[in-house]
Protein backbone atom coordinates (compact mmCIF):
# COMPACT_ATOMS: atom_id res chain seq x y z
CA MET A 1 107.07 115.58 78.97
CA HIS A 2 105.71 114.83 82.45
CA ALA A 3 106.76 116.77 85.51
CA VAL A 4 108.49 114.72 88.16
CA ARG A 5 106.36 114.61 91.29
CA ARG A 6 107.82 114.48 94.73
CA ILE A 7 105.99 113.59 97.88
CA ASP A 8 107.66 114.15 101.22
CA PHE A 9 106.55 112.04 104.17
CA ALA A 10 106.69 113.29 107.74
CA ALA A 11 105.10 112.09 110.97
CA CYS A 12 104.80 113.35 114.50
CA SER A 13 102.88 111.87 117.40
CA ASP A 14 101.98 113.03 120.89
CA VAL A 15 100.48 111.15 123.83
CA GLY A 16 97.98 113.95 124.42
CA LEU A 17 96.51 115.17 127.69
CA ILE A 18 94.39 112.22 128.82
CA ARG A 19 96.27 108.94 128.30
CA ARG A 20 99.58 107.89 129.83
CA ARG A 21 100.67 105.88 126.80
CA ASN A 22 100.88 106.77 123.16
CA GLU A 23 99.23 104.09 121.01
CA ASP A 24 99.98 105.68 117.62
CA VAL A 25 101.83 103.50 115.12
CA PHE A 26 102.75 104.67 111.64
CA ALA A 27 104.71 103.63 108.60
CA ALA A 28 105.69 105.47 105.44
CA ASP A 29 107.24 103.88 102.38
CA ALA A 30 108.24 106.45 99.77
CA GLU A 31 109.61 103.76 97.44
CA HIS A 32 106.21 102.04 97.22
CA GLY A 33 104.22 105.28 97.68
CA PHE A 34 102.11 104.84 100.80
CA MET A 35 101.55 106.00 104.36
CA VAL A 36 99.73 104.12 107.15
CA LEU A 37 98.62 105.32 110.58
CA ALA A 38 96.78 103.38 113.28
CA ASP A 39 95.85 104.62 116.74
CA GLY A 40 94.89 102.19 119.48
CA MET A 41 91.53 102.70 121.17
CA GLY A 42 92.35 104.33 124.49
CA GLY A 43 90.69 102.82 127.51
CA HIS A 44 90.81 99.31 126.06
CA GLY A 45 93.70 96.96 126.79
CA GLY A 46 96.00 96.21 123.89
CA GLY A 47 95.27 99.23 121.70
CA ASP A 48 98.99 99.60 121.00
CA ILE A 49 99.13 95.93 120.00
CA ALA A 50 96.12 96.29 117.69
CA ALA A 51 97.71 99.35 116.08
CA SER A 52 101.04 97.55 115.57
CA ILE A 53 99.37 94.51 114.01
CA THR A 54 97.24 96.71 111.76
CA VAL A 55 100.15 98.80 110.47
CA HIS A 56 102.21 95.68 109.84
CA VAL A 57 99.47 93.85 107.93
CA VAL A 58 98.48 96.89 105.87
CA SER A 59 102.08 97.89 105.09
CA GLU A 60 103.05 94.42 103.93
CA GLY A 61 99.91 94.19 101.83
CA LEU A 62 100.48 97.60 100.26
CA ARG A 63 104.07 96.77 99.32
CA GLY A 64 102.83 93.85 97.24
CA MET A 65 99.84 95.70 95.83
CA MET A 66 101.79 98.79 94.82
CA ALA A 67 104.42 96.72 93.05
CA GLU A 68 101.77 94.93 90.96
CA ALA A 69 99.14 97.66 90.37
CA ALA A 70 98.80 98.74 86.75
CA HIS A 71 96.18 101.40 87.55
CA VAL A 72 94.87 103.11 90.66
CA ASN A 73 91.55 101.26 90.24
CA ASP A 74 93.45 98.02 90.93
CA LEU A 75 94.09 99.35 94.43
CA VAL A 76 90.54 100.28 95.37
CA GLY A 77 89.02 96.82 95.81
CA GLN A 78 92.22 95.48 97.30
CA ALA A 79 92.19 98.27 99.89
CA PHE A 80 89.00 96.80 101.40
CA ASP A 81 90.68 93.39 101.48
CA LEU A 82 93.61 94.87 103.42
CA VAL A 83 91.24 96.31 106.03
CA ASP A 84 89.57 92.89 106.37
CA ARG A 85 92.95 91.13 106.72
CA ALA A 86 94.14 93.58 109.37
CA ASN A 87 90.85 93.22 111.27
CA ALA A 88 91.11 89.43 111.17
CA ALA A 89 94.68 89.55 112.49
CA VAL A 90 93.62 91.79 115.40
CA ILE A 91 90.65 89.53 116.22
CA GLU A 92 92.89 86.46 116.10
CA MET A 93 95.37 88.05 118.56
CA ALA A 94 92.54 89.24 120.83
CA ALA A 95 91.27 85.67 121.10
CA THR A 96 94.57 84.60 122.69
CA ASP A 97 94.28 86.75 125.84
CA LEU A 98 91.26 87.97 127.82
CA GLN A 99 93.04 91.26 128.53
CA LEU A 100 93.12 91.89 124.77
CA ALA A 101 89.50 90.93 124.15
CA GLU A 102 88.30 94.48 123.44
CA MET A 103 91.41 95.81 121.71
CA GLY A 104 91.07 97.77 118.53
CA CYS A 105 92.36 100.77 116.66
CA THR A 106 91.56 103.38 114.08
CA LEU A 107 93.22 103.15 110.68
CA VAL A 108 94.00 105.56 107.88
CA PHE A 109 96.21 104.92 104.89
CA MET A 110 96.95 106.55 101.59
CA ALA A 111 98.54 104.95 98.54
CA PHE A 112 99.75 107.00 95.61
CA HIS A 113 99.69 105.74 92.02
CA GLY A 114 100.85 108.22 89.40
CA ASP A 115 98.71 111.34 89.72
CA ASP A 116 96.03 109.45 91.67
CA ALA A 117 95.68 108.26 95.24
CA VAL A 118 93.53 105.89 97.27
CA CYS A 119 92.69 106.91 100.82
CA VAL A 120 91.08 104.65 103.43
CA ASN A 121 89.84 105.83 106.81
CA VAL A 122 88.37 103.41 109.35
């Protein structure tokens, strides 16, 4: 008999002492077993937009991946693909407006599969 595992998700964000705007964006999906956090690069225009795009792209990708993954190893290679897709979406948006030309964000996400997890930090 296997023990039932429970993972509680919680998030808190603070603008900090230097910036005027908080550019943190996060998502947690307990049903599909993942958490995503992106933080816009302060000092560059559009960091909040880059973070929003990134969290959206990664979250949507993880929902599909988690539903189809038979083993945690299925997620590893696909995780790199998600990072590439999010990066491409940010670059595409940045090309539409000179004020967004240098936008970017950090990214961390964790996906749980059974007793295993995949963690990505960019």
